[in-house]
Amino acid sequence: MTNTTIMTITHVATQRTVQLTNFFVTEFLDNIDTKYNFENVYGRMDPIATYQGTTRKISLGIRYQGSKKMEAAKSAANTLMRFQYPVYSNQQNSLSISRPPLVLVEFGDWIKGSPDGYEIDGTDTRRLLCAMQGFDYTPAAGFTPEDSPYIRFGQGTKFKLTPTNLSMKFDFIVLHDKTIGYDNFGKWTGGADWGPGIAHETNPPFGQNSIGDSPTGANPPDDGTPQAQQKSDEQKIIGG
């Protein structure tokens, strides 16, 4: 991924934005971690599982290659490191944190928020609200002509190192701005743009919710519909 590849990261507290372009993607992981509290009970083979919550973490690694891109990449890395710090306010001769270092991230259809998401400079964006849990900046420092950094000497003993390639690694913890899950009618509440790509789910039978009950005022499907045929088949299987 190069040339038109753009990843945008905005520091929410200051509205400062970094755009990363012309890089190679070296790794990507979109992880969903579902947490349960398991309790073992005497006489029961399986533990009692109590749902606690679901978190989402996105890890992304990119690499810049070529000496012409290094200075811009180093400058971007410097700003991204600064994005890890909060905004302070001075109250009664002491500093206190007024805003945390949260970020808004957008990277194609891999990392995105809802179309009616957060407003930046008066424009709605599709950026995803995240806490950047980690950021790694790794310039290549080998001992071969291919990966050894360029050394430029200035006045006195000062010198400047320019790597031939460098890598960045991001760890984003997604902070949901809406309730994520399904309602009693089996409808997804996170919106069609949640997650990578766009999911194409088949809606549940009309008038049935996630536990199989019919809501008040709902009409069951007429005989002959696929839903009615499915229900008839189920009754045959269980002997109804």
C-alpha atoms as a PDB file:
ATOM      1  CA  MET A   1       0.000   0.000   0.000  1.00  0.00           C
ATOM      2  CA  THR A   2       1.660   3.199  -1.170  1.00  0.00           C
ATOM      3  CA  ASN A   3       1.012   6.427  -3.062  1.00  0.00           C
ATOM      4  CA  THR A   4      -2.682   6.981  -2.241  1.00  0.00           C
ATOM      5  CA  THR A   5      -2.559   5.256   1.158  1.00  0.00           C
ATOM      6  CA  ILE A   6      -3.603   7.784   3.795  1.00  0.00           C
ATOM      7  CA  MET A   7      -4.074   7.332   7.524  1.00  0.00           C
ATOM      8  CA  THR A   8      -5.366  10.275   9.527  1.00  0.00           C
ATOM      9  CA  ILE A   9      -4.844  10.664  13.281  1.00  0.00           C
ATOM     10  CA  THR A  10      -6.301  13.651  15.162  1.00  0.00           C
ATOM     11  CA  HIS A  11      -5.453  14.614  18.734  1.00  0.00           C
ATOM     12  CA  VAL A  12      -8.918  15.290  20.165  1.00  0.00           C
ATOM     13  CA  ALA A  13      -7.823  17.720  22.859  1.00  0.00           C
ATOM     14  CA  THR A  14      -5.904  20.070  20.539  1.00  0.00           C
ATOM     15  CA  GLN A  15      -7.490  19.214  17.132  1.00  0.00           C
ATOM     16  CA  ARG A  16      -3.992  18.766  15.690  1.00  0.00           C
ATOM     17  CA  THR A  17      -3.893  16.239  12.852  1.00  0.00           C
ATOM     18  CA  VAL A  18      -1.210  14.035  11.295  1.00  0.00           C
ATOM     19  CA  GLN A  19      -1.657  12.451   7.875  1.00  0.00           C
ATOM     20  CA  LEU A  20       0.550   9.490   7.045  1.00  0.00           C
ATOM     21  CA  THR A  21       1.044   8.653   3.344  1.00  0.00           C
ATOM     22  CA  ASN A  22       3.274   6.567   1.080  1.00  0.00           C
ATOM     23  CA  PHE A  23       3.968   3.727   3.505  1.00  0.00           C
ATOM     24  CA  PHE A  24       3.854  -0.057   3.487  1.00  0.00           C
ATOM     25  CA  VAL A  25       1.565  -1.951   5.869  1.00  0.00           C
ATOM     26  CA  THR A  26       3.584  -4.609   7.689  1.00  0.00           C
ATOM     27  CA  GLU A  27       0.943  -5.913  10.093  1.00  0.00           C
ATOM     28  CA  PHE A  28      -2.694  -5.427  11.024  1.00  0.00           C
ATOM     29  CA  LEU A  29      -4.786  -6.994  13.779  1.00  0.00           C
ATOM     30  CA  ASP A  30      -8.363  -6.144  14.746  1.00  0.00           C
ATOM     31  CA  ASN A  31      -8.987  -8.032  17.986  1.00  0.00           C
ATOM     32  CA  ILE A  32     -12.266  -8.491  19.848  1.00  0.00           C
ATOM     33  CA  ASP A  33     -11.800  -9.592  23.470  1.00  0.00           C
ATOM     34  CA  THR A  34     -14.904 -10.861  25.262  1.00  0.00           C
ATOM     35  CA  LYS A  35     -14.586 -11.119  29.048  1.00  0.00           C
ATOM     36  CA  TYR A  36     -16.529 -13.483  31.301  1.00  0.00           C
ATOM     37  CA  ASN A  37     -16.441 -14.190  35.005  1.00  0.00           C
ATOM     38  CA  PHE A  38     -16.357 -17.974  35.429  1.00  0.00           C
ATOM     39  CA  GLU A  39     -17.551 -19.510  38.692  1.00  0.00           C
ATOM     40  CA  ASN A  40     -17.167 -23.206  39.427  1.00  0.00           C
ATOM     41  CA  VAL A  41     -20.030 -24.728  41.409  1.00  0.00           C
ATOM     42  CA  TYR A  42     -19.973 -28.041  43.215  1.00  0.00           C
ATOM     43  CA  GLY A  43     -21.788 -30.758  41.270  1.00  0.00           C
ATOM     44  CA  ARG A  44     -21.818 -28.834  38.000  1.00  0.00           C
ATOM     45  CA  MET A  45     -19.515 -29.942  35.204  1.00  0.00           C
ATOM     46  CA  ASP A  46     -19.323 -26.552  33.490  1.00  0.00           C
ATOM     47  CA  PRO A  47     -18.658 -23.223  35.199  1.00  0.00           C
ATOM     48  CA  ILE A  48     -21.309 -20.518  35.397  1.00  0.00           C
ATOM     49  CA  ALA A  49     -20.290 -17.840  32.888  1.00  0.00           C
ATOM     50  CA  THR A  50     -21.285 -14.255  33.636  1.00  0.00           C
ATOM     51  CA  TYR A  51     -20.696 -11.830  30.791  1.00  0.00           C
ATOM     52  CA  GLN A  52     -18.669  -8.739  31.767  1.00  0.00           C
ATOM     53  CA  GLY A  53     -17.937  -6.834  28.584  1.00  0.00           C
ATOM     54  CA  THR A  54     -16.384  -6.754  25.123  1.00  0.00           C
ATOM     55  CA  THR A  55     -13.400  -4.640  24.126  1.00  0.00           C
ATOM     56  CA  ARG A  56     -11.834  -3.999  20.735  1.00  0.00           C
ATOM     57  CA  LYS A  57      -8.134  -3.411  20.086  1.00  0.00           C
ATOM     58  CA  ILE A  58      -6.546  -2.556  16.726  1.00  0.00           C
ATOM     59  CA  SER A  59      -2.821  -3.025  16.115  1.00  0.00           C
ATOM     60  CA  LEU A  60      -1.188  -1.595  12.999  1.00  0.00           C
ATOM     61  CA  GLY A  61       2.386  -1.644  11.776  1.00  0.00           C
ATOM     62  CA  ILE A  62       3.715   0.459   8.888  1.00  0.00           C
ATOM     63  CA  ARG A  63       7.122   0.970   7.281  1.00  0.00           C
ATOM     64  CA  TYR A  64       8.691   3.845   5.393  1.00  0.00           C
ATOM     65  CA  GLN A  65      11.430   3.105   2.902  1.00  0.00           C
ATOM     66  CA  GLY A  66      13.639   5.488   0.950  1.00  0.00           C
ATOM     67  CA  SER A  67      15.756   8.384   2.166  1.00  0.00           C
ATOM     68  CA  LYS A  68      13.499  11.021   0.556  1.00  0.00           C
ATOM     69  CA  LYS A  69      10.613  10.091   2.906  1.00  0.00           C
ATOM     70  CA  MET A  70      12.576   9.893   6.135  1.00  0.00           C
ATOM     71  CA  GLU A  71      12.495  13.508   7.291  1.00  0.00           C
ATOM     72  CA  ALA A  72       8.722  13.787   6.844  1.00  0.00           C
ATOM     73  CA  ALA A  73       8.236  10.421   8.567  1.00  0.00           C
ATOM     74  CA  LYS A  74      10.457  11.451  11.502  1.00  0.00           C
ATOM     75  CA  SER A  75       8.508  14.684  11.883  1.00  0.00           C
ATOM     76  CA  ALA A  76       5.213  12.769  11.908  1.00  0.00           C
ATOM     77  CA  ALA A  77       6.583  10.332  14.499  1.00  0.00           C
ATOM     78  CA  ASN A  78       7.609  13.242  16.697  1.00  0.00           C
ATOM     79  CA  THR A  79       4.078  14.661  16.608  1.00  0.00           C
ATOM     80  CA  LEU A  80       2.503  11.248  17.244  1.00  0.00           C
ATOM     81  CA  MET A  81       4.666  10.808  20.327  1.00  0.00           C
ATOM     82  CA  ARG A  82       3.447  14.172  21.594  1.00  0.00           C
ATOM     83  CA  PHE A  83      -0.139  13.024  21.044  1.00  0.00           C
ATOM     84  CA  GLN A  84       0.376  10.605  23.957  1.00  0.00           C
ATOM     85  CA  TYR A  85       0.339  13.447  26.453  1.00  0.00           C
ATOM     86  CA  PRO A  86      -2.718  15.260  27.867  1.00  0.00           C
ATOM     87  CA  VAL A  87      -3.696  18.912  28.074  1.00  0.00           C
ATOM     88  CA  TYR A  88      -2.986  20.586  31.404  1.00  0.00           C
ATOM     89  CA  SER A  89      -4.633  23.590  32.983  1.00  0.00           C
ATOM     90  CA  ASN A  90      -3.010  25.843  35.532  1.00  0.00           C
ATOM     91  CA  GLN A  91      -5.214  26.238  38.588  1.00  0.00           C
ATOM     92  CA  GLN A  92      -4.010  27.941  41.748  1.00  0.00           C
ATOM     93  CA  ASN A  93      -0.339  27.564  40.802  1.00  0.00           C
ATOM     94  CA  SER A  94      -0.681  23.825  40.175  1.00  0.00           C
ATOM     95  CA  LEU A  95      -1.160  21.781  37.026  1.00  0.00           C
ATOM     96  CA  SER A  96      -4.123  19.483  36.597  1.00  0.00           C
ATOM     97  CA  ILE A  97      -5.141  17.329  33.643  1.00  0.00           C
ATOM     98  CA  SER A  98      -8.072  18.937  31.839  1.00  0.00           C
ATOM     99  CA  ARG A  99      -8.313  16.698  28.745  1.00  0.00           C
ATOM    100  CA  PRO A 100      -6.947  13.173  28.151  1.00  0.00           C
ATOM    101  CA  PRO A 101      -4.832  12.255  25.088  1.00  0.00           C
ATOM    102  CA  LEU A 102      -7.537  10.554  23.017  1.00  0.00           C
ATOM    103  CA  VAL A 103      -7.271  10.337  19.231  1.00  0.00           C
ATOM    104  CA  LEU A 104      -9.566  10.009  16.210  1.00  0.00           C
ATOM    105  CA  VAL A 105      -8.295   7.540  13.604  1.00  0.00           C
ATOM    106  CA  GLU A 106      -9.292   6.796  10.016  1.00  0.00           C
ATOM    107  CA  PHE A 107      -7.595   4.344   7.669  1.00  0.00           C
ATOM    108  CA  GLY A 108      -9.709   3.392   4.659  1.00  0.00           C
ATOM    109  CA  ASP A 109     -12.330   0.776   5.497  1.00  0.00           C
ATOM    110  CA  TRP A 110     -10.010  -0.947   7.997  1.00  0.00           C
ATOM    111  CA  ILE A 111     -10.269   1.703  10.707  1.00  0.00           C
ATOM    112  CA  LYS A 112     -13.341   3.900  10.529  1.00  0.00           C
ATOM    113  CA  GLY A 113     -16.222   5.304  12.537  1.00  0.00           C
ATOM    114  CA  SER A 114     -19.803   6.111  11.603  1.00  0.00           C
ATOM    115  CA  PRO A 115     -20.502   8.673   8.834  1.00  0.00           C
ATOM    116  CA  ASP A 116     -22.175  10.990  11.344  1.00  0.00           C
ATOM    117  CA  GLY A 117     -19.204  10.754  13.670  1.00  0.00           C
ATOM    118  CA  TYR A 118     -16.981  13.459  15.080  1.00  0.00           C
ATOM    119  CA  GLU A 119     -16.772  16.923  13.642  1.00  0.00           C
ATOM    120  CA  ILE A 120     -13.345  18.315  12.741  1.00  0.00           C
ATOM    121  CA  ASP A 121     -13.108  21.935  11.581  1.00  0.00           C
ATOM    122  CA  GLY A 122     -16.846  22.031  10.951  1.00  0.00           C
ATOM    123  CA  THR A 123     -16.875  18.835   8.853  1.00  0.00           C
ATOM    124  CA  ASP A 124     -18.260  15.441   9.866  1.00  0.00           C
ATOM    125  CA  THR A 125     -15.653  12.697   9.678  1.00  0.00           C
ATOM    126  CA  ARG A 126     -15.636   8.897   9.752  1.00  0.00           C
ATOM    127  CA  ARG A 127     -12.816   8.799  12.284  1.00  0.00           C
ATOM    128  CA  LEU A 128     -12.892   6.288  15.109  1.00  0.00           C
ATOM    129  CA  LEU A 129     -12.428   7.428  18.714  1.00  0.00           C
ATOM    130  CA  CYS A 130      -9.528   5.555  20.307  1.00  0.00           C
ATOM    131  CA  ALA A 131      -7.057   5.616  23.146  1.00  0.00           C
ATOM    132  CA  MET A 132      -3.598   5.107  21.658  1.00  0.00           C
ATOM    133  CA  GLN A 133      -2.259   2.575  24.129  1.00  0.00           C
ATOM    134  CA  GLY A 134       1.152   2.415  22.524  1.00  0.00           C
ATOM    135  CA  PHE A 135       3.287   3.870  19.756  1.00  0.00           C
ATOM    136  CA  ASP A 136       6.660   2.495  18.642  1.00  0.00           C
ATOM    137  CA  TYR A 137       9.143   4.343  16.448  1.00  0.00           C
ATOM    138  CA  THR A 138      11.898   2.048  15.133  1.00  0.00           C
ATOM    139  CA  PRO A 139      14.501   3.412  12.694  1.00  0.00           C
ATOM    140  CA  ALA A 140      16.583   0.766  10.967  1.00  0.00           C
ATOM    141  CA  ALA A 141      20.147   0.726  12.269  1.00  0.00           C
ATOM    142  CA  GLY A 142      21.997  -2.121  10.574  1.00  0.00           C
ATOM    143  CA  PHE A 143      25.596  -2.617   9.539  1.00  0.00           C
ATOM    144  CA  THR A 144      25.173  -3.218   5.830  1.00  0.00           C
ATOM    145  CA  PRO A 145      25.080  -0.596   3.058  1.00  0.00           C
ATOM    146  CA  GLU A 146      21.393  -1.402   2.515  1.00  0.00           C
ATOM    147  CA  ASP A 147      20.140  -0.560   6.017  1.00  0.00           C
ATOM    148  CA  SER A 148      22.880   1.498   7.641  1.00  0.00           C
ATOM    149  CA  PRO A 149      21.708   5.063   8.476  1.00  0.00           C
ATOM    150  CA  TYR A 150      23.155   8.089   6.762  1.00  0.00           C
ATOM    151  CA  ILE A 151      25.258  10.291   9.057  1.00  0.00           C
ATOM    152  CA  ARG A 152      25.501  13.998   8.399  1.00  0.00           C
ATOM    153  CA  PHE A 153      27.897  16.064  10.470  1.00  0.00           C
ATOM    154  CA  GLY A 154      27.177  19.645  11.438  1.00  0.00           C
ATOM    155  CA  GLN A 155      29.117  22.186  13.439  1.00  0.00           C
ATOM    156  CA  GLY A 156      31.344  20.842  16.180  1.00  0.00           C
ATOM    157  CA  THR A 157      30.375  17.368  17.380  1.00  0.00           C
ATOM    158  CA  LYS A 158      26.714  17.556  16.250  1.00  0.00           C
ATOM    159  CA  PHE A 159      25.575  15.062  13.660  1.00  0.00           C
ATOM    160  CA  LYS A 160      22.276  13.930  12.187  1.00  0.00           C
ATOM    161  CA  LEU A 161      21.169  10.333  11.579  1.00  0.00           C
ATOM    162  CA  THR A 162      18.818   9.594   8.693  1.00  0.00           C
ATOM    163  CA  PRO A 163      17.683   5.955   8.515  1.00  0.00           C
ATOM    164  CA  THR A 164      17.187   4.272   5.169  1.00  0.00           C
ATOM    165  CA  ASN A 165      13.890   2.862   6.458  1.00  0.00           C
ATOM    166  CA  LEU A 166      11.852   3.108   9.635  1.00  0.00           C
ATOM    167  CA  SER A 167       8.851   1.405  11.170  1.00  0.00           C
ATOM    168  CA  MET A 168       5.930   2.589  13.291  1.00  0.00           C
ATOM    169  CA  LYS A 169       3.633   0.460  15.404  1.00  0.00           C
ATOM    170  CA  PHE A 170       0.247   1.596  16.775  1.00  0.00           C
ATOM    171  CA  ASP A 171      -2.007   0.019  19.393  1.00  0.00           C
ATOM    172  CA  PHE A 172      -5.496   1.544  19.490  1.00  0.00           C
ATOM    173  CA  ILE A 173      -8.149   0.752  22.109  1.00  0.00           C
ATOM    174  CA  VAL A 174     -11.516   1.535  20.528  1.00  0.00           C
ATOM    175  CA  LEU A 175     -13.815   3.689  22.674  1.00  0.00           C
ATOM    176  CA  HIS A 176     -17.388   3.069  21.580  1.00  0.00           C
ATOM    177  CA  ASP A 177     -19.505   6.210  21.318  1.00  0.00           C
ATOM    178  CA  LYS A 178     -22.756   4.227  21.244  1.00  0.00           C
ATOM    179  CA  THR A 179     -24.164   1.040  22.728  1.00  0.00           C
ATOM    180  CA  ILE A 180     -22.867  -1.879  20.661  1.00  0.00           C
ATOM    181  CA  GLY A 181     -24.871  -5.087  20.333  1.00  0.00           C
ATOM    182  CA  TYR A 182     -28.290  -6.346  19.258  1.00  0.00           C
ATOM    183  CA  ASP A 183     -31.701  -5.158  20.391  1.00  0.00           C
ATOM    184  CA  ASN A 184     -34.612  -7.456  21.306  1.00  0.00           C
ATOM    185  CA  PHE A 185     -35.603  -7.681  17.631  1.00  0.00           C
ATOM    186  CA  GLY A 186     -32.193  -8.920  16.538  1.00  0.00           C
ATOM    187  CA  LYS A 187     -31.201  -5.602  14.973  1.00  0.00           C
ATOM    188  CA  TRP A 188     -27.553  -4.561  15.174  1.00  0.00           C
ATOM    189  CA  THR A 189     -27.216  -1.251  17.070  1.00  0.00           C
ATOM    190  CA  GLY A 190     -23.659  -0.412  16.027  1.00  0.00           C
ATOM    191  CA  GLY A 191     -24.569   0.812  12.540  1.00  0.00           C
ATOM    192  CA  ALA A 192     -23.703  -0.632   9.116  1.00  0.00           C
ATOM    193  CA  ASP A 193     -20.246   0.954   9.110  1.00  0.00           C
ATOM    194  CA  TRP A 194     -19.068  -0.722  12.323  1.00  0.00           C
ATOM    195  CA  GLY A 195     -15.895  -2.775  11.970  1.00  0.00           C
ATOM    196  CA  PRO A 196     -13.848  -3.537   8.844  1.00  0.00           C
ATOM    197  CA  GLY A 197     -15.824  -3.537   5.614  1.00  0.00           C
ATOM    198  CA  ILE A 198     -19.622  -3.677   5.674  1.00  0.00           C
ATOM    199  CA  ALA A 199     -21.502  -6.664   7.095  1.00  0.00           C
ATOM    200  CA  HIS A 200     -24.498  -8.085   5.238  1.00  0.00           C
ATOM    201  CA  GLU A 201     -26.635  -9.743   7.887  1.00  0.00           C
ATOM    202  CA  THR A 202     -29.929 -11.503   7.266  1.00  0.00           C
ATOM    203  CA  ASN A 203     -32.662  -9.995   9.431  1.00  0.00           C
ATOM    204  CA  PRO A 204     -34.415 -12.383  11.824  1.00  0.00           C
ATOM    205  CA  PRO A 205     -38.023 -13.480  11.135  1.00  0.00           C
ATOM    206  CA  PHE A 206     -40.443 -10.581  11.508  1.00  0.00           C
ATOM    207  CA  GLY A 207     -42.030 -10.391  14.942  1.00  0.00           C
ATOM    208  CA  GLN A 208     -39.328 -12.429  16.682  1.00  0.00           C
ATOM    209  CA  ASN A 209     -36.721 -11.028  18.977  1.00  0.00           C
ATOM    210  CA  SER A 210     -33.472 -12.566  20.139  1.00  0.00           C
ATOM    211  CA  ILE A 211     -35.199 -14.899  22.639  1.00  0.00           C
ATOM    212  CA  GLY A 212     -37.923 -16.093  20.288  1.00  0.00           C
ATOM    213  CA  ASP A 213     -40.845 -14.125  21.743  1.00  0.00           C
ATOM    214  CA  SER A 214     -43.221 -12.011  19.691  1.00  0.00           C
ATOM    215  CA  PRO A 215     -43.388  -8.353  20.731  1.00  0.00           C
ATOM    216  CA  THR A 216     -46.740  -6.766  21.427  1.00  0.00           C
ATOM    217  CA  GLY A 217     -48.570  -5.810  18.237  1.00  0.00           C
ATOM    218  CA  ALA A 218     -46.274  -7.783  15.921  1.00  0.00           C
ATOM    219  CA  ASN A 219     -47.831  -9.990  13.274  1.00  0.00           C
ATOM    220  CA  PRO A 220     -46.270 -13.370  12.483  1.00  0.00           C
ATOM    221  CA  PRO A 221     -45.418 -14.114   8.852  1.00  0.00           C
ATOM    222  CA  ASP A 222     -48.108 -15.589   6.637  1.00  0.00           C
ATOM    223  CA  ASP A 223     -48.110 -19.279   5.792  1.00  0.00           C
ATOM    224  CA  GLY A 224     -45.967 -20.093   2.828  1.00  0.00           C
ATOM    225  CA  THR A 225     -43.173 -17.675   3.627  1.00  0.00           C
ATOM    226  CA  PRO A 226     -39.654 -19.022   4.188  1.00  0.00           C
ATOM    227  CA  GLN A 227     -39.961 -18.117   7.889  1.00  0.00           C
ATOM    228  CA  ALA A 228     -43.212 -20.066   8.287  1.00  0.00           C
ATOM    229  CA  GLN A 229     -41.741 -23.049   6.432  1.00  0.00           C
ATOM    230  CA  GLN A 230     -38.687 -22.960   8.706  1.00  0.00           C
ATOM    231  CA  LYS A 231     -40.940 -22.936  11.785  1.00  0.00           C
ATOM    232  CA  SER A 232     -42.928 -25.897  10.405  1.00  0.00           C
ATOM    233  CA  ASP A 233     -39.719 -27.845   9.781  1.00  0.00           C
ATOM    234  CA  GLU A 234     -38.530 -27.112  13.307  1.00  0.00           C
ATOM    235  CA  GLN A 235     -41.804 -28.468  14.721  1.00  0.00           C
ATOM    236  CA  LYS A 236     -41.376 -31.655  12.707  1.00  0.00           C
ATOM    237  CA  ILE A 237     -37.862 -32.130  14.071  1.00  0.00           C
ATOM    238  CA  ILE A 238     -38.937 -31.763  17.703  1.00  0.00           C
ATOM    239  CA  GLY A 239     -42.144 -33.732  17.187  1.00  0.00           C
ATOM    240  CA  GLY A 240     -44.553 -30.781  17.442  1.00  0.00           C
END
